[in-house]
Amino acid sequence: MSLSPLLLCETLREWGSQKSRIQKSKFKDYNSLLFVMRNPWIVYPKPNPQAHLRLFCFPFAGAGASFFKPWADRLLPQIEVCAVQLPGRENRIKEPLFSQLTPLLQQMIPALLPEFDRPFAFFGHSLGALICFESARQLRQLKHRQPFHLLISARQAPNSPDLHPPIHQLPEAEFFQQVCRFNGTPSVVLQNPRLMKLFVRILRADLAIAETYSYIEEAPLDCPISAFSGLQDEVVLTASLGAWCEQTFSKFQLHTFPGNHFFLKSKQQEILQVISQTLLE
């Protein structure tokens, strides 16, 4: 899926908001933000060895694992939040970014396998939804344990047409113009050229993953799929999520919330209540 300029603006606003919060905190780096690392691909905001299940969370384009930090305190204690951290951002900022999905999965899946030692589910928002869906299919191909539930947010079904033209290969000035075209770009980013350059580099690579993705038809998954949509989302229309029902032999349910493409933030508490109920039912 390509991202429209409107979504680029929303992504930039959210990214700038996270960076601003971190800059204002008393901590000096990401490694101090009460995260516990035991696997570079996963951040555990609140390790919970007694948890009944694990929820692996895949971030949207341009974002990192820090977005899911608050979830650990707001989900039920039976659920351990495992925020997936892709290379090239936050505590992995010095590592090269991925720009294609297949090489990413080839490195990520083996690193995650040891963490699948108890029941687990996948959650992904936008680009993260695509990554978690293909991760589930990859686990099936490898005959490993698979998620017992797939939670898809703000992402049209993989077999649905892409309505947005690709932009990840645009020249620097044109790409930057697309990012800054709409009102709402956070000043914390615009006033810091280095920060802006870093964000654009991450976002361009993440967009390349989405825009070069090619769906290959396979048998539907065995696990249930729950989809989440913002009713005012102009990027991924609610109607386009219904086709996710074709990707499972099991139950499919669509949950809608007021909000735009980042309803994940504005309706966080309501979404987490649905997730808790869904995973523990």
C-alpha atoms as a PDB file:
ATOM      1  CA  MET A   1       0.000   0.000   0.000  1.00  0.00           C
ATOM      2  CA  SER A   2       1.292   3.454  -0.860  1.00  0.00           C
ATOM      3  CA  LEU A   3       0.778   6.355   1.515  1.00  0.00           C
ATOM      4  CA  SER A   4      -0.989   9.525   0.433  1.00  0.00           C
ATOM      5  CA  PRO A   5       0.454  12.943   1.360  1.00  0.00           C
ATOM      6  CA  LEU A   6      -2.284  13.189   3.996  1.00  0.00           C
ATOM      7  CA  LEU A   7      -1.028  10.020   5.658  1.00  0.00           C
ATOM      8  CA  LEU A   8       2.572  11.174   5.364  1.00  0.00           C
ATOM      9  CA  CYS A   9       1.588  14.286   7.265  1.00  0.00           C
ATOM     10  CA  GLU A  10      -0.206  12.285   9.957  1.00  0.00           C
ATOM     11  CA  THR A  11       2.778   9.933  10.263  1.00  0.00           C
ATOM     12  CA  LEU A  12       5.153  12.857  10.550  1.00  0.00           C
ATOM     13  CA  ARG A  13       2.991  14.496  13.219  1.00  0.00           C
ATOM     14  CA  GLU A  14       2.937  11.308  15.291  1.00  0.00           C
ATOM     15  CA  TRP A  15       6.650  10.711  14.867  1.00  0.00           C
ATOM     16  CA  GLY A  16       7.458  14.257  15.898  1.00  0.00           C
ATOM     17  CA  SER A  17       5.191  13.925  18.917  1.00  0.00           C
ATOM     18  CA  GLN A  18       7.058  10.829  20.097  1.00  0.00           C
ATOM     19  CA  LYS A  19      10.455  12.476  19.604  1.00  0.00           C
ATOM     20  CA  SER A  20       9.285  15.561  21.502  1.00  0.00           C
ATOM     21  CA  ARG A  21       8.147  13.470  24.463  1.00  0.00           C
ATOM     22  CA  ILE A  22      11.490  11.682  24.554  1.00  0.00           C
ATOM     23  CA  GLN A  23      13.471  14.921  24.344  1.00  0.00           C
ATOM     24  CA  LYS A  24      11.514  16.340  27.278  1.00  0.00           C
ATOM     25  CA  SER A  25      11.978  13.260  29.426  1.00  0.00           C
ATOM     26  CA  LYS A  26      14.692  12.960  32.025  1.00  0.00           C
ATOM     27  CA  PHE A  27      16.193  10.032  30.111  1.00  0.00           C
ATOM     28  CA  LYS A  28      19.049  10.565  27.698  1.00  0.00           C
ATOM     29  CA  ASP A  29      18.441   7.754  25.233  1.00  0.00           C
ATOM     30  CA  TYR A  30      15.968   5.096  24.168  1.00  0.00           C
ATOM     31  CA  ASN A  31      17.752   2.412  26.145  1.00  0.00           C
ATOM     32  CA  SER A  32      16.774   4.221  29.361  1.00  0.00           C
ATOM     33  CA  LEU A  33      13.052   4.366  28.631  1.00  0.00           C
ATOM     34  CA  LEU A  34      12.193   1.537  30.996  1.00  0.00           C
ATOM     35  CA  PHE A  35      12.505  -0.992  28.179  1.00  0.00           C
ATOM     36  CA  VAL A  36      14.107  -4.358  28.756  1.00  0.00           C
ATOM     37  CA  MET A  37      15.935  -5.855  25.802  1.00  0.00           C
ATOM     38  CA  ARG A  38      16.741  -9.533  25.523  1.00  0.00           C
ATOM     39  CA  ASN A  39      16.350  -9.751  21.756  1.00  0.00           C
ATOM     40  CA  PRO A  40      17.253  -6.837  19.442  1.00  0.00           C
ATOM     41  CA  TRP A  41      14.100  -7.466  17.410  1.00  0.00           C
ATOM     42  CA  ILE A  42      11.784  -7.117  20.405  1.00  0.00           C
ATOM     43  CA  VAL A  43      11.277  -4.481  23.076  1.00  0.00           C
ATOM     44  CA  TYR A  44       9.556  -5.586  26.290  1.00  0.00           C
ATOM     45  CA  PRO A  45       8.121  -2.475  27.976  1.00  0.00           C
ATOM     46  CA  LYS A  46       7.040  -4.536  30.979  1.00  0.00           C
ATOM     47  CA  PRO A  47       8.452  -8.084  31.085  1.00  0.00           C
ATOM     48  CA  ASN A  48       5.940 -10.526  32.476  1.00  0.00           C
ATOM     49  CA  PRO A  49       7.163 -14.139  32.741  1.00  0.00           C
ATOM     50  CA  GLN A  50       3.815 -15.126  34.268  1.00  0.00           C
ATOM     51  CA  ALA A  51       1.768 -13.876  31.324  1.00  0.00           C
ATOM     52  CA  HIS A  52      -0.595 -16.370  29.717  1.00  0.00           C
ATOM     53  CA  LEU A  53       0.124 -15.079  26.229  1.00  0.00           C
ATOM     54  CA  ARG A  54       2.238 -12.652  24.244  1.00  0.00           C
ATOM     55  CA  LEU A  55       1.064  -9.919  21.908  1.00  0.00           C
ATOM     56  CA  PHE A  56       3.635  -9.051  19.235  1.00  0.00           C
ATOM     57  CA  CYS A  57       3.026  -5.507  17.971  1.00  0.00           C
ATOM     58  CA  PHE A  58       4.286  -4.333  14.568  1.00  0.00           C
ATOM     59  CA  PRO A  59       4.510  -0.524  14.079  1.00  0.00           C
ATOM     60  CA  PHE A  60       3.329   1.611  11.174  1.00  0.00           C
ATOM     61  CA  ALA A  61       5.646   3.198   8.587  1.00  0.00           C
ATOM     62  CA  GLY A  62       8.175   5.551  10.117  1.00  0.00           C
ATOM     63  CA  ALA A  63       7.499   4.375  13.668  1.00  0.00           C
ATOM     64  CA  GLY A  64       9.315   2.206  16.173  1.00  0.00           C
ATOM     65  CA  ALA A  65       8.624  -0.008  19.145  1.00  0.00           C
ATOM     66  CA  SER A  66       8.313   2.967  21.511  1.00  0.00           C
ATOM     67  CA  PHE A  67       4.801   3.629  20.200  1.00  0.00           C
ATOM     68  CA  PHE A  68       3.565   0.522  22.031  1.00  0.00           C
ATOM     69  CA  LYS A  69       5.215   1.301  25.373  1.00  0.00           C
ATOM     70  CA  PRO A  70       1.967   2.513  27.046  1.00  0.00           C
ATOM     71  CA  TRP A  71       0.146  -0.665  26.054  1.00  0.00           C
ATOM     72  CA  ALA A  72       1.978  -2.753  28.624  1.00  0.00           C
ATOM     73  CA  ASP A  73       0.265  -0.881  31.475  1.00  0.00           C
ATOM     74  CA  ARG A  74      -3.167  -0.707  29.833  1.00  0.00           C
ATOM     75  CA  LEU A  75      -3.717  -4.264  28.641  1.00  0.00           C
ATOM     76  CA  LEU A  76      -4.759  -6.952  31.090  1.00  0.00           C
ATOM     77  CA  PRO A  77      -1.850  -8.444  33.091  1.00  0.00           C
ATOM     78  CA  GLN A  78      -2.296 -11.836  31.423  1.00  0.00           C
ATOM     79  CA  ILE A  79      -0.932 -10.288  28.212  1.00  0.00           C
ATOM     80  CA  GLU A  80       2.774  -9.507  27.740  1.00  0.00           C
ATOM     81  CA  VAL A  81       3.428  -6.797  25.153  1.00  0.00           C
ATOM     82  CA  CYS A  82       6.293  -7.585  22.777  1.00  0.00           C
ATOM     83  CA  ALA A  83       6.930  -4.575  20.537  1.00  0.00           C
ATOM     84  CA  VAL A  84       8.756  -5.536  17.357  1.00  0.00           C
ATOM     85  CA  GLN A  85      11.699  -3.240  16.619  1.00  0.00           C
ATOM     86  CA  LEU A  86      12.779  -3.071  12.990  1.00  0.00           C
ATOM     87  CA  PRO A  87      16.387  -2.072  12.208  1.00  0.00           C
ATOM     88  CA  GLY A  88      17.321   1.519  11.461  1.00  0.00           C
ATOM     89  CA  ARG A  89      15.354   3.313  14.195  1.00  0.00           C
ATOM     90  CA  GLU A  90      15.410   4.083  17.917  1.00  0.00           C
ATOM     91  CA  ASN A  91      17.823   1.734  19.714  1.00  0.00           C
ATOM     92  CA  ARG A  92      18.717   0.127  16.336  1.00  0.00           C
ATOM     93  CA  ILE A  93      19.369   3.435  14.574  1.00  0.00           C
ATOM     94  CA  LYS A  94      22.868   2.432  13.414  1.00  0.00           C
ATOM     95  CA  GLU A  95      21.655  -0.678  11.597  1.00  0.00           C
ATOM     96  CA  PRO A  96      20.720  -0.615   7.902  1.00  0.00           C
ATOM     97  CA  LEU A  97      17.061  -0.229   7.016  1.00  0.00           C
ATOM     98  CA  PHE A  98      15.122  -2.816   5.050  1.00  0.00           C
ATOM     99  CA  SER A  99      13.297  -1.716   1.911  1.00  0.00           C
ATOM    100  CA  GLN A 100      11.797  -5.062   0.844  1.00  0.00           C
ATOM    101  CA  LEU A 101       9.595  -7.436   2.783  1.00  0.00           C
ATOM    102  CA  THR A 102      11.152 -10.801   1.899  1.00  0.00           C
ATOM    103  CA  PRO A 103      14.684 -10.035   3.190  1.00  0.00           C
ATOM    104  CA  LEU A 104      13.134  -8.509   6.303  1.00  0.00           C
ATOM    105  CA  LEU A 105      11.155 -11.668   7.043  1.00  0.00           C
ATOM    106  CA  GLN A 106      14.184 -13.856   6.361  1.00  0.00           C
ATOM    107  CA  GLN A 107      16.102 -12.142   9.149  1.00  0.00           C
ATOM    108  CA  MET A 108      13.265 -11.350  11.523  1.00  0.00           C
ATOM    109  CA  ILE A 109      11.395 -14.661  11.724  1.00  0.00           C
ATOM    110  CA  PRO A 110      14.365 -16.779  12.958  1.00  0.00           C
ATOM    111  CA  ALA A 111      15.084 -14.136  15.606  1.00  0.00           C
ATOM    112  CA  LEU A 112      11.488 -14.226  16.854  1.00  0.00           C
ATOM    113  CA  LEU A 113      11.096 -18.011  16.956  1.00  0.00           C
ATOM    114  CA  PRO A 114      12.492 -18.469  20.513  1.00  0.00           C
ATOM    115  CA  GLU A 115       9.838 -16.041  21.788  1.00  0.00           C
ATOM    116  CA  PHE A 116       6.975 -18.186  20.516  1.00  0.00           C
ATOM    117  CA  ASP A 117       7.200 -20.522  23.513  1.00  0.00           C
ATOM    118  CA  ARG A 118       3.668 -19.765  24.688  1.00  0.00           C
ATOM    119  CA  PRO A 119       0.414 -18.782  22.970  1.00  0.00           C
ATOM    120  CA  PHE A 120       0.848 -15.559  21.015  1.00  0.00           C
ATOM    121  CA  ALA A 121      -1.027 -13.157  18.781  1.00  0.00           C
ATOM    122  CA  PHE A 122       0.061 -10.567  16.218  1.00  0.00           C
ATOM    123  CA  PHE A 123      -1.083  -6.943  16.006  1.00  0.00           C
ATOM    124  CA  GLY A 124      -0.067  -4.592  13.211  1.00  0.00           C
ATOM    125  CA  HIS A 125      -1.124  -1.101  12.160  1.00  0.00           C
ATOM    126  CA  SER A 126      -0.932  -0.075   8.480  1.00  0.00           C
ATOM    127  CA  LEU A 127       2.488  -1.299   7.260  1.00  0.00           C
ATOM    128  CA  GLY A 128       2.734  -3.307  10.486  1.00  0.00           C
ATOM    129  CA  ALA A 129      -0.446  -5.160   9.545  1.00  0.00           C
ATOM    130  CA  LEU A 130       1.131  -6.274   6.283  1.00  0.00           C
ATOM    131  CA  ILE A 131       4.280  -7.433   8.062  1.00  0.00           C
ATOM    132  CA  CYS A 132       2.420  -9.415  10.721  1.00  0.00           C
ATOM    133  CA  PHE A 133       0.152 -11.043   8.107  1.00  0.00           C
ATOM    134  CA  GLU A 134       3.083 -12.217   6.000  1.00  0.00           C
ATOM    135  CA  SER A 135       4.935 -13.281   9.165  1.00  0.00           C
ATOM    136  CA  ALA A 136       2.024 -15.553  10.053  1.00  0.00           C
ATOM    137  CA  ARG A 137       2.066 -17.071   6.568  1.00  0.00           C
ATOM    138  CA  GLN A 138       5.844 -17.524   6.759  1.00  0.00           C
ATOM    139  CA  LEU A 139       5.523 -19.389  10.071  1.00  0.00           C
ATOM    140  CA  ARG A 140       2.989 -21.703   8.457  1.00  0.00           C
ATOM    141  CA  GLN A 141       5.323 -22.394   5.539  1.00  0.00           C
ATOM    142  CA  LEU A 142       8.117 -23.228   7.982  1.00  0.00           C
ATOM    143  CA  LYS A 143       5.737 -25.480   9.960  1.00  0.00           C
ATOM    144  CA  HIS A 144       6.325 -23.547  13.172  1.00  0.00           C
ATOM    145  CA  ARG A 145       3.794 -22.523  15.792  1.00  0.00           C
ATOM    146  CA  GLN A 146       1.474 -19.845  14.439  1.00  0.00           C
ATOM    147  CA  PRO A 147      -0.384 -16.971  16.118  1.00  0.00           C
ATOM    148  CA  PHE A 148      -3.732 -17.943  17.590  1.00  0.00           C
ATOM    149  CA  HIS A 149      -5.183 -14.582  16.505  1.00  0.00           C
ATOM    150  CA  LEU A 150      -4.298 -11.927  13.939  1.00  0.00           C
ATOM    151  CA  LEU A 151      -5.225  -8.306  14.715  1.00  0.00           C
ATOM    152  CA  ILE A 152      -5.155  -6.111  11.605  1.00  0.00           C
ATOM    153  CA  SER A 153      -5.446  -2.321  11.854  1.00  0.00           C
ATOM    154  CA  ALA A 154      -5.815   0.325   9.109  1.00  0.00           C
ATOM    155  CA  ARG A 155      -4.692  -1.903   6.264  1.00  0.00           C
ATOM    156  CA  GLN A 156      -6.745  -3.075   3.307  1.00  0.00           C
ATOM    157  CA  ALA A 157      -6.780  -6.804   2.531  1.00  0.00           C
ATOM    158  CA  PRO A 158      -3.632  -7.901   0.670  1.00  0.00           C
ATOM    159  CA  ASN A 159      -5.618  -9.003  -2.374  1.00  0.00           C
ATOM    160  CA  SER A 160      -7.400  -5.638  -2.632  1.00  0.00           C
ATOM    161  CA  PRO A 161      -6.251  -3.054  -5.206  1.00  0.00           C
ATOM    162  CA  ASP A 162      -3.858  -0.300  -4.171  1.00  0.00           C
ATOM    163  CA  LEU A 163      -5.478   3.082  -4.773  1.00  0.00           C
ATOM    164  CA  HIS A 164      -2.407   5.246  -4.102  1.00  0.00           C
ATOM    165  CA  PRO A 165       0.506   5.850  -6.506  1.00  0.00           C
ATOM    166  CA  PRO A 166       3.962   4.880  -5.202  1.00  0.00           C
ATOM    167  CA  ILE A 167       6.128   7.704  -3.900  1.00  0.00           C
ATOM    168  CA  HIS A 168       9.149   6.064  -2.256  1.00  0.00           C
ATOM    169  CA  GLN A 169      11.369   6.697  -5.303  1.00  0.00           C
ATOM    170  CA  LEU A 170      10.536  10.368  -5.673  1.00  0.00           C
ATOM    171  CA  PRO A 171      13.529  12.745  -5.689  1.00  0.00           C
ATOM    172  CA  GLU A 172      14.442  14.153  -2.297  1.00  0.00           C
ATOM    173  CA  ALA A 173      12.869  17.570  -2.803  1.00  0.00           C
ATOM    174  CA  GLU A 174       9.638  16.147  -4.200  1.00  0.00           C
ATOM    175  CA  PHE A 175       9.395  13.519  -1.482  1.00  0.00           C
ATOM    176  CA  PHE A 176       9.987  16.176   1.166  1.00  0.00           C
ATOM    177  CA  GLN A 177       7.318  18.336  -0.450  1.00  0.00           C
ATOM    178  CA  GLN A 178       4.832  15.477  -0.211  1.00  0.00           C
ATOM    179  CA  VAL A 179       5.663  15.081   3.471  1.00  0.00           C
ATOM    180  CA  CYS A 180       5.337  18.768   4.315  1.00  0.00           C
ATOM    181  CA  ARG A 181       2.513  19.653   1.964  1.00  0.00           C
ATOM    182  CA  PHE A 182      -0.284  19.577   4.509  1.00  0.00           C
ATOM    183  CA  ASN A 183      -0.775  21.542   7.690  1.00  0.00           C
ATOM    184  CA  GLY A 184       0.128  19.892  10.950  1.00  0.00           C
ATOM    185  CA  THR A 185       3.800  19.068  10.443  1.00  0.00           C
ATOM    186  CA  PRO A 186       5.260  19.270  13.973  1.00  0.00           C
ATOM    187  CA  SER A 187       7.695  22.109  14.574  1.00  0.00           C
ATOM    188  CA  VAL A 188       9.995  19.781  16.532  1.00  0.00           C
ATOM    189  CA  VAL A 189      10.748  18.088  13.204  1.00  0.00           C
ATOM    190  CA  LEU A 190      10.662  21.074  10.838  1.00  0.00           C
ATOM    191  CA  GLN A 191      13.018  23.055  13.071  1.00  0.00           C
ATOM    192  CA  ASN A 192      15.555  20.254  13.133  1.00  0.00           C
ATOM    193  CA  PRO A 193      16.931  19.434   9.657  1.00  0.00           C
ATOM    194  CA  ARG A 194      18.846  16.468  11.024  1.00  0.00           C
ATOM    195  CA  LEU A 195      15.683  15.050  12.576  1.00  0.00           C
ATOM    196  CA  MET A 196      13.750  15.626   9.366  1.00  0.00           C
ATOM    197  CA  LYS A 197      16.426  13.919   7.278  1.00  0.00           C
ATOM    198  CA  LEU A 198      16.416  10.934   9.633  1.00  0.00           C
ATOM    199  CA  PHE A 199      12.648  10.609   9.526  1.00  0.00           C
ATOM    200  CA  VAL A 200      12.494  10.866   5.733  1.00  0.00           C
ATOM    201  CA  ARG A 201      15.151   8.158   5.384  1.00  0.00           C
ATOM    202  CA  ILE A 202      13.203   5.780   7.638  1.00  0.00           C
ATOM    203  CA  LEU A 203       9.864   6.584   6.041  1.00  0.00           C
ATOM    204  CA  ARG A 204      11.189   6.168   2.495  1.00  0.00           C
ATOM    205  CA  ALA A 205      12.512   2.683   3.308  1.00  0.00           C
ATOM    206  CA  ASP A 206       9.294   1.671   5.058  1.00  0.00           C
ATOM    207  CA  LEU A 207       7.213   2.918   2.140  1.00  0.00           C
ATOM    208  CA  ALA A 208       9.366   0.868  -0.205  1.00  0.00           C
ATOM    209  CA  ILE A 209       8.431  -2.268   1.759  1.00  0.00           C
ATOM    210  CA  ALA A 210       4.754  -1.502   1.275  1.00  0.00           C
ATOM    211  CA  GLU A 211       4.948  -0.269  -2.299  1.00  0.00           C
ATOM    212  CA  THR A 212       7.053  -3.156  -3.646  1.00  0.00           C
ATOM    213  CA  TYR A 213       4.907  -5.808  -1.951  1.00  0.00           C
ATOM    214  CA  SER A 214       3.300  -8.313  -4.287  1.00  0.00           C
ATOM    215  CA  TYR A 215       0.557 -10.544  -2.915  1.00  0.00           C
ATOM    216  CA  ILE A 216       0.871 -14.265  -3.662  1.00  0.00           C
ATOM    217  CA  GLU A 217      -2.305 -16.244  -3.181  1.00  0.00           C
ATOM    218  CA  GLU A 218      -2.149 -19.018  -0.587  1.00  0.00           C
ATOM    219  CA  ALA A 219      -4.657 -20.931   1.492  1.00  0.00           C
ATOM    220  CA  PRO A 220      -6.330 -18.799   4.175  1.00  0.00           C
ATOM    221  CA  LEU A 221      -4.912 -18.871   7.696  1.00  0.00           C
ATOM    222  CA  ASP A 222      -6.429 -21.089  10.367  1.00  0.00           C
ATOM    223  CA  CYS A 223      -6.454 -18.392  13.056  1.00  0.00           C
ATOM    224  CA  PRO A 224      -9.254 -15.830  13.488  1.00  0.00           C
ATOM    225  CA  ILE A 225      -8.693 -12.336  12.128  1.00  0.00           C
ATOM    226  CA  SER A 226      -9.968  -9.170  13.788  1.00  0.00           C
ATOM    227  CA  ALA A 227      -9.761  -5.958  11.772  1.00  0.00           C
ATOM    228  CA  PHE A 228      -9.782  -2.392  13.137  1.00  0.00           C
ATOM    229  CA  SER A 229     -10.773   0.686  11.147  1.00  0.00           C
ATOM    230  CA  GLY A 230     -11.137   4.432  11.663  1.00  0.00           C
ATOM    231  CA  LEU A 231     -14.466   5.660  10.331  1.00  0.00           C
ATOM    232  CA  GLN A 232     -12.899   8.914   9.108  1.00  0.00           C
ATOM    233  CA  ASP A 233      -9.809   7.230   7.656  1.00  0.00           C
ATOM    234  CA  GLU A 234      -9.362   8.707   4.171  1.00  0.00           C
ATOM    235  CA  VAL A 235      -6.381   6.476   3.385  1.00  0.00           C
ATOM    236  CA  VAL A 236      -7.776   3.013   4.100  1.00  0.00           C
ATOM    237  CA  LEU A 237     -11.546   2.994   3.832  1.00  0.00           C
ATOM    238  CA  THR A 238     -13.505   0.804   6.232  1.00  0.00           C
ATOM    239  CA  ALA A 239     -15.093  -1.052   3.318  1.00  0.00           C
ATOM    240  CA  SER A 240     -11.665  -2.220   2.133  1.00  0.00           C
ATOM    241  CA  LEU A 241     -11.027  -4.163   5.350  1.00  0.00           C
ATOM    242  CA  GLY A 242     -13.963  -6.503   4.835  1.00  0.00           C
ATOM    243  CA  ALA A 243     -11.995  -8.591   2.351  1.00  0.00           C
ATOM    244  CA  TRP A 244      -9.765  -9.790   5.200  1.00  0.00           C
ATOM    245  CA  CYS A 245     -12.468 -12.394   5.804  1.00  0.00           C
ATOM    246  CA  GLU A 246     -11.071 -14.210   2.758  1.00  0.00           C
ATOM    247  CA  GLN A 247      -7.729 -14.691   4.530  1.00  0.00           C
ATOM    248  CA  THR A 248      -9.011 -16.957   7.302  1.00  0.00           C
ATOM    249  CA  PHE A 249     -10.802 -20.280   7.593  1.00  0.00           C
ATOM    250  CA  SER A 250     -11.879 -19.164  11.051  1.00  0.00           C
ATOM    251  CA  LYS A 251     -13.850 -16.257  12.478  1.00  0.00           C
ATOM    252  CA  PHE A 252     -13.562 -12.719  11.105  1.00  0.00           C
ATOM    253  CA  GLN A 253     -14.710  -9.598  12.906  1.00  0.00           C
ATOM    254  CA  LEU A 254     -14.495  -5.921  11.941  1.00  0.00           C
ATOM    255  CA  HIS A 255     -14.302  -3.253  14.665  1.00  0.00           C
ATOM    256  CA  THR A 256     -14.801   0.419  13.795  1.00  0.00           C
ATOM    257  CA  PHE A 257     -13.847   3.506  15.787  1.00  0.00           C
ATOM    258  CA  PRO A 258     -14.231   7.255  15.268  1.00  0.00           C
ATOM    259  CA  GLY A 259     -11.042   8.744  13.916  1.00  0.00           C
ATOM    260  CA  ASN A 260      -8.648   9.056  10.990  1.00  0.00           C
ATOM    261  CA  HIS A 261      -5.799   6.751   9.988  1.00  0.00           C
ATOM    262  CA  PHE A 262      -4.253   7.198  13.428  1.00  0.00           C
ATOM    263  CA  PHE A 263      -7.361   6.336  15.403  1.00  0.00           C
ATOM    264  CA  LEU A 264      -4.969   3.883  17.047  1.00  0.00           C
ATOM    265  CA  LYS A 265      -3.764   6.813  19.128  1.00  0.00           C
ATOM    266  CA  SER A 266      -6.963   8.808  19.638  1.00  0.00           C
ATOM    267  CA  LYS A 267      -9.029   5.741  20.616  1.00  0.00           C
ATOM    268  CA  GLN A 268      -6.269   3.781  22.294  1.00  0.00           C
ATOM    269  CA  GLN A 269      -8.160   2.803  25.450  1.00  0.00           C
ATOM    270  CA  GLU A 270     -11.206   1.553  23.554  1.00  0.00           C
ATOM    271  CA  ILE A 271      -9.004  -0.431  21.170  1.00  0.00           C
ATOM    272  CA  LEU A 272      -7.050  -2.020  24.008  1.00  0.00           C
ATOM    273  CA  GLN A 273     -10.291  -3.064  25.689  1.00  0.00           C
ATOM    274  CA  VAL A 274     -11.368  -4.825  22.496  1.00  0.00           C
ATOM    275  CA  ILE A 275      -7.946  -6.462  22.152  1.00  0.00           C
ATOM    276  CA  SER A 276      -8.021  -7.744  25.740  1.00  0.00           C
ATOM    277  CA  GLN A 277     -11.524  -9.134  25.335  1.00  0.00           C
ATOM    278  CA  THR A 278     -10.661 -10.701  21.987  1.00  0.00           C
ATOM    279  CA  LEU A 279      -7.489 -12.425  23.148  1.00  0.00           C
ATOM    280  CA  LEU A 280      -8.871 -13.720  26.437  1.00  0.00           C
ATOM    281  CA  GLU A 281     -12.332 -14.828  25.321  1.00  0.00           C
END
